[in-house]
Amino acid sequence: MYSSVLNLKEKLTEAPILIAPNWDQPFELMCDASDYVVGAVLGQRVEKHFWPIHYASKIMNQAETNYTTTEKEMLAVVYAFEKFRSYLIINKSIVYTDHSALKSLFAKKDAKARLLR
């Protein structure tokens, strides 16, 4: 167990922790939400390995904490696009989420207007 902790500590502190963006490659956005926080990681694939470029998170306000799980997951995606707009506006982007309802949301014709906004 101790060797695993040392290995993790070494991996988290060795360079490069963050990489500079390659503007010729698509960006990947990994988004998630909990009960009180939304977060995202912007990164790119280099030789099939994901490398982070930027991390972001924020604490939800009182109204946002009352959202449904699907709304919170969508909030994470919207927050990430707002936060990383300058990276994503000119390049192809791939969004990853662990919430299956979001994956099919845009395929529905009768999705809630609130989610589509």
N, C-alpha and C. Protein backbone atom coordinates (compact mmCIF):
# COMPACT_ATOMS: atom_id res chain seq x y z
N MET A 1 0.83 -1.19 0.00
CA MET A 1 0.00 0.00 0.00
C MET A 1 0.87 1.25 0.00
N TYR A 2 1.89 1.27 0.82
CA TYR A 2 2.77 2.43 0.93
C TYR A 2 3.46 2.70 -0.40
N SER A 3 3.85 1.63 -1.11
CA SER A 3 4.51 1.83 -2.40
C SER A 3 3.54 2.42 -3.42
N SER A 4 2.26 2.08 -3.32
CA SER A 4 1.26 2.66 -4.22
C SER A 4 1.11 4.15 -3.98
N VAL A 5 1.13 4.56 -2.73
CA VAL A 5 1.03 5.98 -2.39
C VAL A 5 2.25 6.73 -2.91
N LEU A 6 3.42 6.15 -2.74
CA LEU A 6 4.64 6.78 -3.25
C LEU A 6 4.61 6.88 -4.78
N ASN A 7 4.13 5.83 -5.43
CA ASN A 7 4.04 5.83 -6.88
C ASN A 7 3.07 6.92 -7.36
N LEU A 8 1.92 7.02 -6.70
CA LEU A 8 0.95 8.06 -7.05
C LEU A 8 1.53 9.45 -6.83
N LYS A 9 2.21 9.64 -5.71
CA LYS A 9 2.83 10.94 -5.41
C LYS A 9 3.85 11.31 -6.48
N GLU A 10 4.64 10.34 -6.90
CA GLU A 10 5.66 10.58 -7.93
C GLU A 10 5.01 10.95 -9.26
N LYS A 11 3.96 10.22 -9.64
CA LYS A 11 3.28 10.49 -10.92
C LYS A 11 2.62 11.87 -10.93
N LEU A 12 2.09 12.30 -9.79
CA LEU A 12 1.42 13.59 -9.72
C LEU A 12 2.38 14.77 -9.71
N THR A 13 3.63 14.52 -9.41
CA THR A 13 4.60 15.62 -9.32
C THR A 13 5.62 15.63 -10.44
N GLU A 14 5.64 14.61 -11.28
CA GLU A 14 6.62 14.61 -12.36
C GLU A 14 6.09 15.39 -13.57
N ALA A 15 6.98 15.97 -14.31
CA ALA A 15 6.62 16.77 -15.48
C ALA A 15 6.30 15.85 -16.65
N PRO A 16 5.47 16.21 -17.59
CA PRO A 16 4.62 17.40 -17.54
C PRO A 16 3.30 17.08 -16.85
N ILE A 17 2.91 17.91 -15.92
CA ILE A 17 1.62 17.76 -15.27
C ILE A 17 0.53 18.30 -16.20
N LEU A 18 0.78 19.46 -16.77
CA LEU A 18 -0.11 20.04 -17.77
C LEU A 18 0.68 20.21 -19.07
N ILE A 19 -0.01 20.11 -20.19
CA ILE A 19 0.66 20.31 -21.47
C ILE A 19 0.14 21.57 -22.15
N ALA A 20 0.90 22.08 -23.08
CA ALA A 20 0.45 23.20 -23.91
C ALA A 20 -0.47 22.64 -24.99
N PRO A 21 -1.50 23.38 -25.37
CA PRO A 21 -2.43 22.87 -26.38
C PRO A 21 -1.79 22.77 -27.77
N ASN A 22 -2.19 21.74 -28.48
CA ASN A 22 -1.83 21.57 -29.89
C ASN A 22 -3.07 21.99 -30.68
N TRP A 23 -3.02 23.14 -31.32
CA TRP A 23 -4.19 23.70 -31.98
C TRP A 23 -4.62 22.92 -33.22
N ASP A 24 -3.82 21.95 -33.64
CA ASP A 24 -4.18 21.13 -34.80
C ASP A 24 -4.92 19.86 -34.41
N GLN A 25 -5.06 19.60 -33.13
CA GLN A 25 -5.71 18.40 -32.63
C GLN A 25 -7.03 18.76 -31.93
N PRO A 26 -8.00 17.83 -31.92
CA PRO A 26 -9.25 18.11 -31.20
C PRO A 26 -9.03 18.15 -29.69
N PHE A 27 -9.85 18.93 -29.02
CA PHE A 27 -9.81 18.99 -27.57
C PHE A 27 -10.81 17.99 -27.00
N GLU A 28 -10.50 17.47 -25.82
CA GLU A 28 -11.41 16.58 -25.12
C GLU A 28 -11.77 17.21 -23.79
N LEU A 29 -13.04 17.14 -23.47
CA LEU A 29 -13.57 17.76 -22.27
C LEU A 29 -14.23 16.67 -21.43
N MET A 30 -13.77 16.51 -20.21
CA MET A 30 -14.35 15.53 -19.29
C MET A 30 -15.05 16.29 -18.18
N CYS A 31 -16.37 16.08 -18.08
CA CYS A 31 -17.19 16.86 -17.15
C CYS A 31 -17.87 15.94 -16.15
N ASP A 32 -18.08 16.46 -14.94
CA ASP A 32 -18.79 15.70 -13.92
C ASP A 32 -19.39 16.65 -12.90
N ALA A 33 -20.38 16.15 -12.18
CA ALA A 33 -21.04 16.94 -11.15
C ALA A 33 -21.28 16.06 -9.93
N SER A 34 -21.24 16.69 -8.77
CA SER A 34 -21.62 16.03 -7.52
C SER A 34 -22.83 16.78 -6.98
N ASP A 35 -23.15 16.59 -5.73
CA ASP A 35 -24.29 17.28 -5.14
C ASP A 35 -24.07 18.78 -5.03
N TYR A 36 -22.81 19.20 -4.87
CA TYR A 36 -22.52 20.61 -4.59
C TYR A 36 -21.47 21.25 -5.50
N VAL A 37 -20.81 20.47 -6.34
CA VAL A 37 -19.69 20.98 -7.15
C VAL A 37 -19.79 20.44 -8.57
N VAL A 38 -19.40 21.28 -9.55
CA VAL A 38 -19.22 20.82 -10.92
C VAL A 38 -17.75 21.01 -11.29
N GLY A 39 -17.26 20.14 -12.15
CA GLY A 39 -15.86 20.24 -12.54
C GLY A 39 -15.64 19.72 -13.94
N ALA A 40 -14.48 20.10 -14.49
CA ALA A 40 -14.15 19.67 -15.84
C ALA A 40 -12.64 19.66 -16.03
N VAL A 41 -12.20 18.83 -16.95
CA VAL A 41 -10.80 18.77 -17.35
C VAL A 41 -10.76 18.93 -18.86
N LEU A 42 -9.97 19.88 -19.32
CA LEU A 42 -9.73 20.07 -20.75
C LEU A 42 -8.39 19.44 -21.07
N GLY A 43 -8.36 18.63 -22.11
CA GLY A 43 -7.11 17.99 -22.47
C GLY A 43 -7.09 17.55 -23.91
N GLN A 44 -6.03 16.84 -24.27
CA GLN A 44 -5.87 16.31 -25.62
C GLN A 44 -5.19 14.95 -25.54
N ARG A 45 -5.38 14.16 -26.58
CA ARG A 45 -4.72 12.86 -26.70
C ARG A 45 -3.38 13.04 -27.37
N VAL A 46 -2.37 12.45 -26.78
CA VAL A 46 -1.03 12.41 -27.37
C VAL A 46 -0.64 10.94 -27.37
N GLU A 47 -0.56 10.36 -28.56
CA GLU A 47 -0.23 8.94 -28.70
C GLU A 47 -1.15 8.08 -27.85
N LYS A 48 -2.46 8.29 -27.98
CA LYS A 48 -3.52 7.54 -27.31
C LYS A 48 -3.58 7.75 -25.80
N HIS A 49 -2.82 8.68 -25.27
CA HIS A 49 -2.82 8.96 -23.84
C HIS A 49 -3.38 10.36 -23.61
N PHE A 50 -4.35 10.47 -22.69
CA PHE A 50 -4.96 11.77 -22.39
C PHE A 50 -4.03 12.59 -21.50
N TRP A 51 -3.79 13.85 -21.93
CA TRP A 51 -2.97 14.78 -21.15
C TRP A 51 -3.80 16.02 -20.83
N PRO A 52 -3.87 16.41 -19.57
CA PRO A 52 -4.65 17.60 -19.21
C PRO A 52 -3.97 18.90 -19.61
N ILE A 53 -4.78 19.86 -20.00
CA ILE A 53 -4.31 21.21 -20.31
C ILE A 53 -4.75 22.17 -19.21
N HIS A 54 -5.98 21.96 -18.73
CA HIS A 54 -6.54 22.88 -17.74
C HIS A 54 -7.59 22.15 -16.90
N TYR A 55 -7.66 22.48 -15.62
CA TYR A 55 -8.68 21.97 -14.71
C TYR A 55 -9.57 23.13 -14.27
N ALA A 56 -10.85 22.85 -14.02
CA ALA A 56 -11.74 23.89 -13.51
C ALA A 56 -12.84 23.25 -12.67
N SER A 57 -13.25 23.96 -11.63
CA SER A 57 -14.38 23.51 -10.82
C SER A 57 -15.01 24.72 -10.15
N LYS A 58 -16.25 24.54 -9.74
CA LYS A 58 -16.93 25.60 -9.00
C LYS A 58 -17.97 24.99 -8.08
N ILE A 59 -18.22 25.69 -7.00
CA ILE A 59 -19.26 25.30 -6.05
C ILE A 59 -20.58 25.84 -6.57
N MET A 60 -21.61 25.01 -6.54
CA MET A 60 -22.93 25.44 -7.01
C MET A 60 -23.55 26.43 -6.03
N ASN A 61 -24.37 27.33 -6.57
CA ASN A 61 -25.11 28.22 -5.69
C ASN A 61 -26.32 27.47 -5.13
N GLN A 62 -27.07 28.13 -4.26
CA GLN A 62 -28.20 27.47 -3.58
C GLN A 62 -29.23 26.94 -4.57
N ALA A 63 -29.57 27.72 -5.57
CA ALA A 63 -30.56 27.27 -6.56
C ALA A 63 -30.06 26.05 -7.33
N GLU A 64 -28.79 26.06 -7.71
CA GLU A 64 -28.22 24.95 -8.50
C GLU A 64 -28.17 23.65 -7.71
N THR A 65 -28.03 23.72 -6.40
CA THR A 65 -28.00 22.49 -5.59
C THR A 65 -29.34 21.78 -5.60
N ASN A 66 -30.41 22.48 -5.97
CA ASN A 66 -31.74 21.88 -6.05
C ASN A 66 -32.03 21.25 -7.40
N TYR A 67 -31.12 21.36 -8.36
CA TYR A 67 -31.30 20.77 -9.68
C TYR A 67 -31.36 19.24 -9.57
N THR A 68 -31.98 18.61 -10.57
CA THR A 68 -31.94 17.16 -10.66
C THR A 68 -30.53 16.73 -11.06
N THR A 69 -30.25 15.46 -10.97
CA THR A 69 -28.93 14.95 -11.34
C THR A 69 -28.60 15.26 -12.80
N THR A 70 -29.57 15.07 -13.67
CA THR A 70 -29.35 15.35 -15.10
C THR A 70 -29.05 16.83 -15.32
N GLU A 71 -29.78 17.70 -14.63
CA GLU A 71 -29.54 19.13 -14.76
C GLU A 71 -28.16 19.52 -14.22
N LYS A 72 -27.72 18.87 -13.15
CA LYS A 72 -26.39 19.15 -12.60
C LYS A 72 -25.30 18.71 -13.58
N GLU A 73 -25.50 17.56 -14.20
CA GLU A 73 -24.52 17.08 -15.18
C GLU A 73 -24.46 18.01 -16.39
N MET A 74 -25.62 18.51 -16.82
CA MET A 74 -25.64 19.47 -17.93
C MET A 74 -25.00 20.79 -17.50
N LEU A 75 -25.21 21.19 -16.25
CA LEU A 75 -24.57 22.39 -15.72
C LEU A 75 -23.06 22.27 -15.81
N ALA A 76 -22.53 21.08 -15.52
CA ALA A 76 -21.09 20.86 -15.62
C ALA A 76 -20.59 21.05 -17.04
N VAL A 77 -21.34 20.57 -18.02
CA VAL A 77 -20.96 20.72 -19.42
C VAL A 77 -21.01 22.19 -19.83
N VAL A 78 -22.09 22.87 -19.46
CA VAL A 78 -22.23 24.30 -19.80
C VAL A 78 -21.12 25.11 -19.14
N TYR A 79 -20.85 24.83 -17.87
CA TYR A 79 -19.77 25.53 -17.16
C TYR A 79 -18.43 25.32 -17.87
N ALA A 80 -18.17 24.09 -18.28
CA ALA A 80 -16.91 23.78 -18.96
C ALA A 80 -16.78 24.53 -20.28
N PHE A 81 -17.87 24.59 -21.05
CA PHE A 81 -17.82 25.33 -22.31
C PHE A 81 -17.63 26.82 -22.09
N GLU A 82 -18.23 27.35 -21.04
CA GLU A 82 -18.03 28.77 -20.72
C GLU A 82 -16.58 29.02 -20.28
N LYS A 83 -16.07 28.15 -19.44
CA LYS A 83 -14.73 28.32 -18.89
C LYS A 83 -13.64 28.17 -19.96
N PHE A 84 -13.82 27.21 -20.86
CA PHE A 84 -12.79 26.91 -21.85
C PHE A 84 -13.17 27.40 -23.25
N ARG A 85 -14.04 28.37 -23.31
CA ARG A 85 -14.56 28.88 -24.59
C ARG A 85 -13.45 29.23 -25.57
N SER A 86 -12.42 29.87 -25.10
CA SER A 86 -11.34 30.30 -26.01
C SER A 86 -10.62 29.13 -26.66
N TYR A 87 -10.61 27.98 -26.01
CA TYR A 87 -10.00 26.79 -26.60
C TYR A 87 -10.96 26.10 -27.57
N LEU A 88 -12.23 26.05 -27.19
CA LEU A 88 -13.20 25.22 -27.89
C LEU A 88 -13.85 25.89 -29.08
N ILE A 89 -13.80 27.20 -29.15
CA ILE A 89 -14.55 27.93 -30.18
C ILE A 89 -14.01 27.68 -31.59
N ILE A 90 -12.73 27.40 -31.72
CA ILE A 90 -12.16 27.25 -33.06
C ILE A 90 -11.75 25.82 -33.40
N ASN A 91 -11.93 24.90 -32.47
CA ASN A 91 -11.50 23.52 -32.71
C ASN A 91 -12.63 22.53 -32.50
N LYS A 92 -12.45 21.36 -33.08
CA LYS A 92 -13.35 20.25 -32.82
C LYS A 92 -13.19 19.86 -31.36
N SER A 93 -14.31 19.52 -30.72
CA SER A 93 -14.28 19.16 -29.30
C SER A 93 -15.05 17.87 -29.08
N ILE A 94 -14.55 17.05 -28.18
CA ILE A 94 -15.21 15.81 -27.79
C ILE A 94 -15.54 15.94 -26.31
N VAL A 95 -16.81 15.70 -25.95
CA VAL A 95 -17.24 15.82 -24.56
C VAL A 95 -17.51 14.44 -24.00
N TYR A 96 -16.95 14.17 -22.82
CA TYR A 96 -17.18 12.93 -22.11
C TYR A 96 -17.96 13.23 -20.83
N THR A 97 -18.96 12.40 -20.57
CA THR A 97 -19.71 12.49 -19.32
C THR A 97 -20.06 11.08 -18.89
N ASP A 98 -20.22 10.89 -17.59
CA ASP A 98 -20.57 9.57 -17.08
C ASP A 98 -22.08 9.43 -16.89
N HIS A 99 -22.84 10.40 -17.32
CA HIS A 99 -24.29 10.40 -17.11
C HIS A 99 -24.98 10.00 -18.41
N SER A 100 -25.54 8.80 -18.44
CA SER A 100 -26.10 8.26 -19.68
C SER A 100 -27.29 9.06 -20.21
N ALA A 101 -28.03 9.73 -19.33
CA ALA A 101 -29.17 10.53 -19.80
C ALA A 101 -28.71 11.68 -20.69
N LEU A 102 -27.56 12.25 -20.40
CA LEU A 102 -27.05 13.33 -21.24
C LEU A 102 -26.64 12.84 -22.61
N LYS A 103 -26.15 11.61 -22.67
CA LYS A 103 -25.71 11.06 -23.94
C LYS A 103 -26.85 10.95 -24.94
N SER A 104 -28.04 10.68 -24.45
CA SER A 104 -29.19 10.54 -25.34
C SER A 104 -30.07 11.78 -25.38
N LEU A 105 -29.75 12.78 -24.58
CA LEU A 105 -30.59 13.97 -24.48
C LEU A 105 -30.82 14.65 -25.82
N PHE A 106 -29.76 14.85 -26.57
CA PHE A 106 -29.88 15.60 -27.82
C PHE A 106 -30.48 14.76 -28.94
N ALA A 107 -30.61 13.46 -28.74
CA ALA A 107 -31.27 12.62 -29.73
C ALA A 107 -32.79 12.71 -29.59
N LYS A 108 -33.27 13.15 -28.44
CA LYS A 108 -34.71 13.26 -28.20
C LYS A 108 -35.27 14.52 -28.84
N LYS A 109 -36.47 14.39 -29.37
CA LYS A 109 -37.14 15.56 -29.92
C LYS A 109 -38.00 16.25 -28.87
N ASP A 110 -38.33 15.53 -27.81
CA ASP A 110 -39.21 16.08 -26.78
C ASP A 110 -38.47 16.35 -25.47
N ALA A 111 -37.20 16.64 -25.54
CA ALA A 111 -36.42 16.93 -24.33
C ALA A 111 -36.94 18.20 -23.66
N LYS A 112 -36.76 18.28 -22.36
CA LYS A 112 -37.20 19.46 -21.62
C LYS A 112 -36.52 20.71 -22.16
N ALA A 113 -37.31 21.74 -22.34
CA ALA A 113 -36.77 23.01 -22.85
C ALA A 113 -35.70 23.56 -21.91
N ARG A 114 -35.87 23.37 -20.61
CA ARG A 114 -34.90 23.88 -19.64
C ARG A 114 -33.52 23.27 -19.86
N LEU A 115 -33.47 21.99 -20.17
CA LEU A 115 -32.18 21.33 -20.41
C LEU A 115 -31.57 21.78 -21.73
N LEU A 116 -32.40 22.00 -22.72
CA LEU A 116 -31.88 22.40 -24.03
C LEU A 116 -31.38 23.83 -24.05
N ARG A 117 -31.88 24.66 -23.12
CA ARG A 117 -31.40 26.04 -23.04
C ARG A 117 -29.99 26.04 -22.54
